[in-house]
Amino acid sequence: MLSLKEAGITIDIPEPHDTLEKNAIEKATVIYKLTNEACFSEDTGLEVTALNGAPGVRSARFAGDAASAQQNIDKLMGFLKSCNDRSAQFRTVICLQLQAQQHRFEGICTGTIATAQTGTGGFGYDPVFIPDGAVKSFAQMTLTEKNDFSHRRKALDKLVAFLNSLA
């Protein structure tokens, strides 16, 4: 397995679509066309119930195209300031491109948006996201703890199980 850099791909692959699925497919398609090799890509977003699934596909750009993680958090917290329903989920979609076939795998981590930021680890919305069944935010967890809940881990486990079934 090679990273994009190791494969000689230095272009910024666009994410122009309105769903995580379509963006994951777009990236896998572009990579496959450039390498003619099996590949996979993913897209991930935070989906907040009270915001009808926003920021979703725009999670990294919620407060604007050049926004920092803190600006994205600030905008989210502003929207939820007087909101009672703070339920949310992180969702990852992986697209595997094998020759002409595409396969998709999804991982979801449900939880809530905290009323204040806690922790300094992780990235993005980790300081305000508390997964169901946990008492800490993602930003307070070790990598091992976070992987017990991780949406990416769940999607990746499905991908690995699929690949193992082909062997």
C-alpha atoms as a PDB file:
ATOM      1  CA  MET A   1       0.000   0.000   0.000  1.00  0.00           C
ATOM      2  CA  LEU A   2       1.312   3.430  -0.965  1.00  0.00           C
ATOM      3  CA  SER A   3       0.355   6.908   0.142  1.00  0.00           C
ATOM      4  CA  LEU A   4      -0.596   9.442  -2.518  1.00  0.00           C
ATOM      5  CA  LYS A   5       2.815  11.058  -2.164  1.00  0.00           C
ATOM      6  CA  GLU A   6       4.575   7.698  -2.546  1.00  0.00           C
ATOM      7  CA  ALA A   7       2.489   7.048  -5.675  1.00  0.00           C
ATOM      8  CA  GLY A   8       3.644  10.387  -7.110  1.00  0.00           C
ATOM      9  CA  ILE A   9       0.248  12.066  -6.788  1.00  0.00           C
ATOM     10  CA  THR A  10       0.736  15.641  -5.661  1.00  0.00           C
ATOM     11  CA  ILE A  11      -2.455  17.234  -6.967  1.00  0.00           C
ATOM     12  CA  ASP A  12      -5.176  18.390  -4.624  1.00  0.00           C
ATOM     13  CA  ILE A  13      -8.081  16.076  -5.431  1.00  0.00           C
ATOM     14  CA  PRO A  14     -11.307  18.096  -5.319  1.00  0.00           C
ATOM     15  CA  GLU A  15     -14.276  17.290  -3.109  1.00  0.00           C
ATOM     16  CA  PRO A  16     -16.976  19.080  -5.116  1.00  0.00           C
ATOM     17  CA  HIS A  17     -19.990  16.968  -4.217  1.00  0.00           C
ATOM     18  CA  ASP A  18     -22.786  17.341  -1.691  1.00  0.00           C
ATOM     19  CA  THR A  19     -22.401  13.905  -0.069  1.00  0.00           C
ATOM     20  CA  LEU A  20     -19.588  12.016   1.607  1.00  0.00           C
ATOM     21  CA  GLU A  21     -20.260   9.057  -0.677  1.00  0.00           C
ATOM     22  CA  LYS A  22     -19.865  11.082  -3.876  1.00  0.00           C
ATOM     23  CA  ASN A  23     -16.652  12.723  -2.634  1.00  0.00           C
ATOM     24  CA  ALA A  24     -15.131   9.375  -1.671  1.00  0.00           C
ATOM     25  CA  ILE A  25     -16.059   8.000  -5.102  1.00  0.00           C
ATOM     26  CA  GLU A  26     -14.620  11.079  -6.836  1.00  0.00           C
ATOM     27  CA  LYS A  27     -11.291  10.735  -5.057  1.00  0.00           C
ATOM     28  CA  ALA A  28     -11.020   6.978  -5.698  1.00  0.00           C
ATOM     29  CA  THR A  29     -11.911   7.474  -9.361  1.00  0.00           C
ATOM     30  CA  VAL A  30      -9.276  10.179  -9.834  1.00  0.00           C
ATOM     31  CA  ILE A  31      -6.596   8.132  -8.077  1.00  0.00           C
ATOM     32  CA  TYR A  32      -7.454   5.031 -10.099  1.00  0.00           C
ATOM     33  CA  LYS A  33      -7.293   6.965 -13.381  1.00  0.00           C
ATOM     34  CA  LEU A  34      -3.886   8.380 -12.419  1.00  0.00           C
ATOM     35  CA  THR A  35      -2.366   5.077 -11.251  1.00  0.00           C
ATOM     36  CA  ASN A  36      -4.400   2.326 -12.911  1.00  0.00           C
ATOM     37  CA  GLU A  37      -4.024   0.510  -9.584  1.00  0.00           C
ATOM     38  CA  ALA A  38      -6.528  -0.620  -6.986  1.00  0.00           C
ATOM     39  CA  CYS A  39      -7.023   2.135  -4.422  1.00  0.00           C
ATOM     40  CA  PHE A  40      -9.314   3.456  -1.760  1.00  0.00           C
ATOM     41  CA  SER A  41     -10.272   6.870  -0.498  1.00  0.00           C
ATOM     42  CA  GLU A  42     -12.517   8.241   2.179  1.00  0.00           C
ATOM     43  CA  ASP A  43     -14.534  11.242   3.186  1.00  0.00           C
ATOM     44  CA  THR A  44     -15.659  11.988   6.698  1.00  0.00           C
ATOM     45  CA  GLY A  45     -18.045  14.466   8.246  1.00  0.00           C
ATOM     46  CA  LEU A  46     -19.713  15.474  11.484  1.00  0.00           C
ATOM     47  CA  GLU A  47     -23.496  15.309  11.196  1.00  0.00           C
ATOM     48  CA  VAL A  48     -25.472  17.191  13.858  1.00  0.00           C
ATOM     49  CA  THR A  49     -29.129  16.290  14.270  1.00  0.00           C
ATOM     50  CA  ALA A  50     -30.329  19.792  15.231  1.00  0.00           C
ATOM     51  CA  LEU A  51     -28.611  21.201  12.125  1.00  0.00           C
ATOM     52  CA  ASN A  52     -30.266  18.684   9.768  1.00  0.00           C
ATOM     53  CA  GLY A  53     -26.973  16.836   9.262  1.00  0.00           C
ATOM     54  CA  ALA A  54     -24.736  19.891   8.941  1.00  0.00           C
ATOM     55  CA  PRO A  55     -21.873  20.511   8.822  1.00  0.00           C
ATOM     56  CA  GLY A  56     -21.663  17.081   7.116  1.00  0.00           C
ATOM     57  CA  VAL A  57     -19.744  17.152   3.862  1.00  0.00           C
ATOM     58  CA  ARG A  58     -18.649  20.737   4.670  1.00  0.00           C
ATOM     59  CA  SER A  59     -17.205  19.833   8.089  1.00  0.00           C
ATOM     60  CA  ALA A  60     -13.666  21.031   7.323  1.00  0.00           C
ATOM     61  CA  ARG A  61     -15.015  24.219   5.696  1.00  0.00           C
ATOM     62  CA  PHE A  62     -18.027  24.897   7.935  1.00  0.00           C
ATOM     63  CA  ALA A  63     -16.902  28.423   8.840  1.00  0.00           C
ATOM     64  CA  GLY A  64     -15.436  29.080   5.375  1.00  0.00           C
ATOM     65  CA  ASP A  65     -12.936  27.626   2.943  1.00  0.00           C
ATOM     66  CA  ALA A  66      -9.910  28.898   4.883  1.00  0.00           C
ATOM     67  CA  ALA A  67     -11.393  28.401   8.350  1.00  0.00           C
ATOM     68  CA  SER A  68      -9.396  26.886  11.188  1.00  0.00           C
ATOM     69  CA  ALA A  69     -10.647  23.999  13.298  1.00  0.00           C
ATOM     70  CA  GLN A  70     -11.306  26.480  16.104  1.00  0.00           C
ATOM     71  CA  GLN A  71     -13.397  28.691  13.822  1.00  0.00           C
ATOM     72  CA  ASN A  72     -15.425  25.656  12.762  1.00  0.00           C
ATOM     73  CA  ILE A  73     -15.978  24.699  16.405  1.00  0.00           C
ATOM     74  CA  ASP A  74     -16.943  28.263  17.307  1.00  0.00           C
ATOM     75  CA  LYS A  75     -19.533  28.381  14.518  1.00  0.00           C
ATOM     76  CA  LEU A  76     -20.955  24.994  15.553  1.00  0.00           C
ATOM     77  CA  MET A  77     -21.138  25.987  19.217  1.00  0.00           C
ATOM     78  CA  GLY A  78     -22.835  29.260  18.254  1.00  0.00           C
ATOM     79  CA  PHE A  79     -25.567  27.397  16.383  1.00  0.00           C
ATOM     80  CA  LEU A  80     -26.092  24.999  19.292  1.00  0.00           C
ATOM     81  CA  LYS A  81     -25.920  27.609  22.071  1.00  0.00           C
ATOM     82  CA  SER A  82     -29.623  27.428  22.936  1.00  0.00           C
ATOM     83  CA  CYS A  83     -30.292  23.979  21.520  1.00  0.00           C
ATOM     84  CA  ASN A  84     -31.368  21.059  23.708  1.00  0.00           C
ATOM     85  CA  ASP A  85     -30.758  18.336  21.102  1.00  0.00           C
ATOM     86  CA  ARG A  86     -26.988  18.008  20.864  1.00  0.00           C
ATOM     87  CA  SER A  87     -26.962  14.555  19.290  1.00  0.00           C
ATOM     88  CA  ALA A  88     -24.495  14.062  16.466  1.00  0.00           C
ATOM     89  CA  GLN A  89     -22.483  11.466  14.634  1.00  0.00           C
ATOM     90  CA  PHE A  90     -19.197  11.216  12.839  1.00  0.00           C
ATOM     91  CA  ARG A  91     -19.606   9.300   9.594  1.00  0.00           C
ATOM     92  CA  THR A  92     -16.881   7.961   7.300  1.00  0.00           C
ATOM     93  CA  VAL A  93     -17.411   6.555   3.825  1.00  0.00           C
ATOM     94  CA  ILE A  94     -14.601   4.597   2.179  1.00  0.00           C
ATOM     95  CA  CYS A  95     -14.671   3.860  -1.550  1.00  0.00           C
ATOM     96  CA  LEU A  96     -12.560   0.957  -2.779  1.00  0.00           C
ATOM     97  CA  GLN A  97     -11.791   0.938  -6.504  1.00  0.00           C
ATOM     98  CA  LEU A  98     -10.877  -2.516  -7.848  1.00  0.00           C
ATOM     99  CA  GLN A  99     -10.511  -2.327 -11.618  1.00  0.00           C
ATOM    100  CA  ALA A 100     -13.977  -1.362 -12.892  1.00  0.00           C
ATOM    101  CA  GLN A 101     -15.734  -2.119  -9.602  1.00  0.00           C
ATOM    102  CA  GLN A 102     -16.347   0.217  -6.688  1.00  0.00           C
ATOM    103  CA  HIS A 103     -17.252  -0.911  -3.188  1.00  0.00           C
ATOM    104  CA  ARG A 104     -18.304   1.380  -0.339  1.00  0.00           C
ATOM    105  CA  PHE A 105     -17.936   0.908   3.401  1.00  0.00           C
ATOM    106  CA  GLU A 106     -19.441   3.123   6.086  1.00  0.00           C
ATOM    107  CA  GLY A 107     -18.525   3.672   9.715  1.00  0.00           C
ATOM    108  CA  ILE A 108     -20.567   5.702  12.185  1.00  0.00           C
ATOM    109  CA  CYS A 109     -19.826   6.899  15.705  1.00  0.00           C
ATOM    110  CA  THR A 110     -22.852   8.381  17.459  1.00  0.00           C
ATOM    111  CA  GLY A 111     -22.513  10.820  20.311  1.00  0.00           C
ATOM    112  CA  THR A 112     -23.232  14.322  21.522  1.00  0.00           C
ATOM    113  CA  ILE A 113     -21.759  17.770  21.168  1.00  0.00           C
ATOM    114  CA  ALA A 114     -20.522  18.957  24.564  1.00  0.00           C
ATOM    115  CA  THR A 115     -21.404  22.412  25.884  1.00  0.00           C
ATOM    116  CA  ALA A 116     -17.706  23.276  26.238  1.00  0.00           C
ATOM    117  CA  GLN A 117     -14.431  22.164  24.696  1.00  0.00           C
ATOM    118  CA  THR A 118     -12.325  19.656  26.612  1.00  0.00           C
ATOM    119  CA  GLY A 119      -8.983  18.097  25.803  1.00  0.00           C
ATOM    120  CA  THR A 120      -6.135  19.052  23.517  1.00  0.00           C
ATOM    121  CA  GLY A 121      -5.585  15.895  21.463  1.00  0.00           C
ATOM    122  CA  GLY A 122      -7.043  14.882  18.148  1.00  0.00           C
ATOM    123  CA  PHE A 123      -8.143  17.356  15.530  1.00  0.00           C
ATOM    124  CA  GLY A 124     -11.191  19.072  14.099  1.00  0.00           C
ATOM    125  CA  TYR A 125     -14.282  18.726  16.271  1.00  0.00           C
ATOM    126  CA  ASP A 126     -12.655  16.237  18.698  1.00  0.00           C
ATOM    127  CA  PRO A 127     -12.707  18.700  21.671  1.00  0.00           C
ATOM    128  CA  VAL A 128     -16.526  18.952  21.532  1.00  0.00           C
ATOM    129  CA  PHE A 129     -17.547  15.425  20.495  1.00  0.00           C
ATOM    130  CA  ILE A 130     -18.314  12.833  23.168  1.00  0.00           C
ATOM    131  CA  PRO A 131     -19.088   9.382  21.736  1.00  0.00           C
ATOM    132  CA  ASP A 132     -22.016   7.425  23.142  1.00  0.00           C
ATOM    133  CA  GLY A 133     -20.798   5.220  25.987  1.00  0.00           C
ATOM    134  CA  ALA A 134     -17.868   7.527  26.831  1.00  0.00           C
ATOM    135  CA  VAL A 135     -17.351  10.222  29.430  1.00  0.00           C
ATOM    136  CA  LYS A 136     -14.470  11.936  27.623  1.00  0.00           C
ATOM    137  CA  SER A 137     -14.318  13.902  24.408  1.00  0.00           C
ATOM    138  CA  PHE A 138     -12.309  12.473  21.532  1.00  0.00           C
ATOM    139  CA  ALA A 139      -9.690  15.144  22.302  1.00  0.00           C
ATOM    140  CA  GLN A 140      -9.236  13.737  25.829  1.00  0.00           C
ATOM    141  CA  MET A 141      -8.789  10.142  24.682  1.00  0.00           C
ATOM    142  CA  THR A 142      -5.648   8.259  23.841  1.00  0.00           C
ATOM    143  CA  LEU A 143      -5.482   6.946  20.289  1.00  0.00           C
ATOM    144  CA  THR A 144      -6.290   3.456  21.594  1.00  0.00           C
ATOM    145  CA  GLU A 145      -9.369   4.730  23.445  1.00  0.00           C
ATOM    146  CA  LYS A 146     -10.525   6.725  20.426  1.00  0.00           C
ATOM    147  CA  ASN A 147     -10.149   3.696  18.145  1.00  0.00           C
ATOM    148  CA  ASP A 148     -12.634   1.802  20.331  1.00  0.00           C
ATOM    149  CA  PHE A 149     -15.304   4.256  19.107  1.00  0.00           C
ATOM    150  CA  SER A 150     -13.856   5.513  15.825  1.00  0.00           C
ATOM    151  CA  HIS A 151     -16.045   5.864  12.750  1.00  0.00           C
ATOM    152  CA  ARG A 152     -12.938   5.539  10.568  1.00  0.00           C
ATOM    153  CA  ARG A 153     -11.939   2.362  12.363  1.00  0.00           C
ATOM    154  CA  LYS A 154     -15.403   0.882  11.820  1.00  0.00           C
ATOM    155  CA  ALA A 155     -15.320   1.659   8.091  1.00  0.00           C
ATOM    156  CA  LEU A 156     -11.751   0.385   7.784  1.00  0.00           C
ATOM    157  CA  ASP A 157     -12.653  -2.847   9.603  1.00  0.00           C
ATOM    158  CA  LYS A 158     -15.394  -3.427   6.999  1.00  0.00           C
ATOM    159  CA  LEU A 159     -12.919  -2.764   4.178  1.00  0.00           C
ATOM    160  CA  VAL A 160     -10.390  -5.201   5.656  1.00  0.00           C
ATOM    161  CA  ALA A 161     -13.065  -7.872   6.148  1.00  0.00           C
ATOM    162  CA  PHE A 162     -14.099  -7.463   2.508  1.00  0.00           C
ATOM    163  CA  LEU A 163     -10.510  -7.744   1.277  1.00  0.00           C
ATOM    164  CA  ASN A 164      -9.954 -10.821   3.442  1.00  0.00           C
ATOM    165  CA  SER A 165     -13.057 -12.409   1.916  1.00  0.00           C
ATOM    166  CA  LEU A 166     -11.446 -12.126  -1.526  1.00  0.00           C
ATOM    167  CA  ALA A 167      -8.372 -14.107  -0.470  1.00  0.00           C
END
